[in-house]
Amino acid sequence: MPDAELYTIWYWSLAVAGVVVLLAAALLMAIVLVARRILSNARQALEAAEAIAEDTKVIWELEETNRTAEEILATAESIEERGGRIAGTLRG
């Protein structure tokens, strides 16, 4: 094979390799940009989740309030019942 053909093949191979490297670099840059967007969205989602968790603490505390209200109601009903018996006894 003459030298001219070898140089031609070598230059074409070099050109193809250059194109492959450029495409790989472009894909890598696209991946980095997408990863940054994902990270940004994940940070926003985390902030929203933390705000939701903070806002829903009140709901969990409401459960305790309901239990306390039930205890107060049971006590009031007991007082009403005993007061009724005392009133009945006093009436005679």
C-alpha atoms as a PDB file:
ATOM      1  CA  MET A   1       0.000   0.000   0.000  1.00  0.00           C
ATOM      2  CA  PRO A   2       1.494   3.339  -1.011  1.00  0.00           C
ATOM      3  CA  ASP A   3       2.194   5.991   1.595  1.00  0.00           C
ATOM      4  CA  ALA A   4      -0.477   8.297   0.199  1.00  0.00           C
ATOM      5  CA  GLU A   5      -3.181   5.696   0.844  1.00  0.00           C
ATOM      6  CA  LEU A   6      -1.896   5.088   4.375  1.00  0.00           C
ATOM      7  CA  TYR A   7      -1.969   8.808   5.087  1.00  0.00           C
ATOM      8  CA  THR A   8      -5.476   9.076   3.663  1.00  0.00           C
ATOM      9  CA  ILE A   9      -6.705   6.198   5.832  1.00  0.00           C
ATOM     10  CA  TRP A  10      -4.910   7.669   8.836  1.00  0.00           C
ATOM     11  CA  TYR A  11      -6.493  11.117   8.303  1.00  0.00           C
ATOM     12  CA  TRP A  12      -9.967   9.629   7.837  1.00  0.00           C
ATOM     13  CA  SER A  13      -9.517   7.517  10.960  1.00  0.00           C
ATOM     14  CA  LEU A  14      -8.375  10.602  12.838  1.00  0.00           C
ATOM     15  CA  ALA A  15     -11.402  12.554  11.572  1.00  0.00           C
ATOM     16  CA  VAL A  16     -13.816   9.765  12.593  1.00  0.00           C
ATOM     17  CA  ALA A  17     -12.162   9.532  16.014  1.00  0.00           C
ATOM     18  CA  GLY A  18     -12.460  13.319  16.381  1.00  0.00           C
ATOM     19  CA  VAL A  19     -16.163  13.200  15.531  1.00  0.00           C
ATOM     20  CA  VAL A  20     -16.692  10.362  18.026  1.00  0.00           C
ATOM     21  CA  VAL A  21     -14.871  12.318  20.735  1.00  0.00           C
ATOM     22  CA  LEU A  22     -16.934  15.448  19.989  1.00  0.00           C
ATOM     23  CA  LEU A  23     -20.181  13.453  20.119  1.00  0.00           C
ATOM     24  CA  ALA A  24     -19.133  11.819  23.386  1.00  0.00           C
ATOM     25  CA  ALA A  25     -18.266  15.227  24.850  1.00  0.00           C
ATOM     26  CA  ALA A  26     -21.619  16.649  23.734  1.00  0.00           C
ATOM     27  CA  LEU A  27     -23.469  13.714  25.296  1.00  0.00           C
ATOM     28  CA  LEU A  28     -21.486  14.077  28.502  1.00  0.00           C
ATOM     29  CA  MET A  29     -22.321  17.780  28.676  1.00  0.00           C
ATOM     30  CA  ALA A  30     -26.005  16.984  28.108  1.00  0.00           C
ATOM     31  CA  ILE A  31     -25.892  14.395  30.901  1.00  0.00           C
ATOM     32  CA  VAL A  32     -24.279  16.909  33.264  1.00  0.00           C
ATOM     33  CA  LEU A  33     -26.950  19.516  32.459  1.00  0.00           C
ATOM     34  CA  VAL A  34     -29.762  17.021  33.030  1.00  0.00           C
ATOM     35  CA  ALA A  35     -28.150  15.889  36.289  1.00  0.00           C
ATOM     36  CA  ARG A  36     -27.991  19.510  37.477  1.00  0.00           C
ATOM     37  CA  ARG A  37     -31.670  19.993  36.643  1.00  0.00           C
ATOM     38  CA  ILE A  38     -32.538  16.804  38.509  1.00  0.00           C
ATOM     39  CA  LEU A  39     -30.552  17.996  41.516  1.00  0.00           C
ATOM     40  CA  SER A  40     -32.310  21.367  41.441  1.00  0.00           C
ATOM     41  CA  ASN A  41     -35.728  19.713  41.238  1.00  0.00           C
ATOM     42  CA  ALA A  42     -34.802  17.295  44.017  1.00  0.00           C
ATOM     43  CA  ARG A  43     -33.816  20.204  46.269  1.00  0.00           C
ATOM     44  CA  GLN A  44     -37.148  21.917  45.568  1.00  0.00           C
ATOM     45  CA  ALA A  45     -39.010  18.671  46.261  1.00  0.00           C
ATOM     46  CA  LEU A  46     -37.130  18.217  49.527  1.00  0.00           C
ATOM     47  CA  GLU A  47     -37.971  21.756  50.626  1.00  0.00           C
ATOM     48  CA  ALA A  48     -41.632  21.143  49.782  1.00  0.00           C
ATOM     49  CA  ALA A  49     -41.624  17.827  51.648  1.00  0.00           C
ATOM     50  CA  GLU A  50     -40.094  19.455  54.722  1.00  0.00           C
ATOM     51  CA  ALA A  51     -42.730  22.217  54.608  1.00  0.00           C
ATOM     52  CA  ILE A  52     -45.491  19.618  54.292  1.00  0.00           C
ATOM     53  CA  ALA A  53     -44.075  17.657  57.220  1.00  0.00           C
ATOM     54  CA  GLU A  54     -43.971  20.825  59.318  1.00  0.00           C
ATOM     55  CA  ASP A  55     -47.533  21.738  58.342  1.00  0.00           C
ATOM     56  CA  THR A  56     -48.908  18.280  59.137  1.00  0.00           C
ATOM     57  CA  LYS A  57     -47.466  18.164  62.655  1.00  0.00           C
ATOM     58  CA  VAL A  58     -50.625  19.977  63.734  1.00  0.00           C
ATOM     59  CA  ILE A  59     -52.716  17.070  62.459  1.00  0.00           C
ATOM     60  CA  TRP A  60     -50.812  14.609  64.615  1.00  0.00           C
ATOM     61  CA  GLU A  61     -51.215  16.913  67.608  1.00  0.00           C
ATOM     62  CA  LEU A  62     -54.959  17.064  66.860  1.00  0.00           C
ATOM     63  CA  GLU A  63     -55.139  13.352  67.619  1.00  0.00           C
ATOM     64  CA  GLU A  64     -53.876  14.051  71.153  1.00  0.00           C
ATOM     65  CA  THR A  65     -56.386  16.911  71.481  1.00  0.00           C
ATOM     66  CA  ASN A  66     -59.211  14.569  70.486  1.00  0.00           C
ATOM     67  CA  ARG A  67     -58.124  11.996  73.083  1.00  0.00           C
ATOM     68  CA  THR A  68     -58.058  14.691  75.764  1.00  0.00           C
ATOM     69  CA  ALA A  69     -61.505  15.940  74.688  1.00  0.00           C
ATOM     70  CA  GLU A  70     -62.874  12.384  74.947  1.00  0.00           C
ATOM     71  CA  GLU A  71     -61.465  12.091  78.471  1.00  0.00           C
ATOM     72  CA  ILE A  72     -63.039  15.437  79.434  1.00  0.00           C
ATOM     73  CA  LEU A  73     -66.374  14.314  77.958  1.00  0.00           C
ATOM     74  CA  ALA A  74     -66.245  11.036  79.882  1.00  0.00           C
ATOM     75  CA  THR A  75     -65.486  12.940  83.086  1.00  0.00           C
ATOM     76  CA  ALA A  76     -68.324  15.410  82.441  1.00  0.00           C
ATOM     77  CA  GLU A  77     -70.761  12.557  81.788  1.00  0.00           C
ATOM     78  CA  SER A  78     -69.642  10.886  85.011  1.00  0.00           C
ATOM     79  CA  ILE A  79     -70.165  14.151  86.939  1.00  0.00           C
ATOM     80  CA  GLU A  80     -73.596  14.562  85.342  1.00  0.00           C
ATOM     81  CA  GLU A  81     -74.593  11.028  86.286  1.00  0.00           C
ATOM     82  CA  ARG A  82     -73.409  11.379  89.879  1.00  0.00           C
ATOM     83  CA  GLY A  83     -74.976  14.830  90.166  1.00  0.00           C
ATOM     84  CA  GLY A  84     -78.264  13.353  88.959  1.00  0.00           C
ATOM     85  CA  ARG A  85     -78.100  10.630  91.589  1.00  0.00           C
ATOM     86  CA  ILE A  86     -77.322  13.169  94.302  1.00  0.00           C
ATOM     87  CA  ALA A  87     -80.223  15.364  93.142  1.00  0.00           C
ATOM     88  CA  GLY A  88     -82.528  12.333  93.121  1.00  0.00           C
ATOM     89  CA  THR A  89     -81.460  11.396  96.621  1.00  0.00           C
ATOM     90  CA  LEU A  90     -81.999  14.938  97.902  1.00  0.00           C
ATOM     91  CA  ARG A  91     -85.505  15.057  96.398  1.00  0.00           C
ATOM     92  CA  GLY A  92     -86.249  12.004  98.242  1.00  0.00           C
END
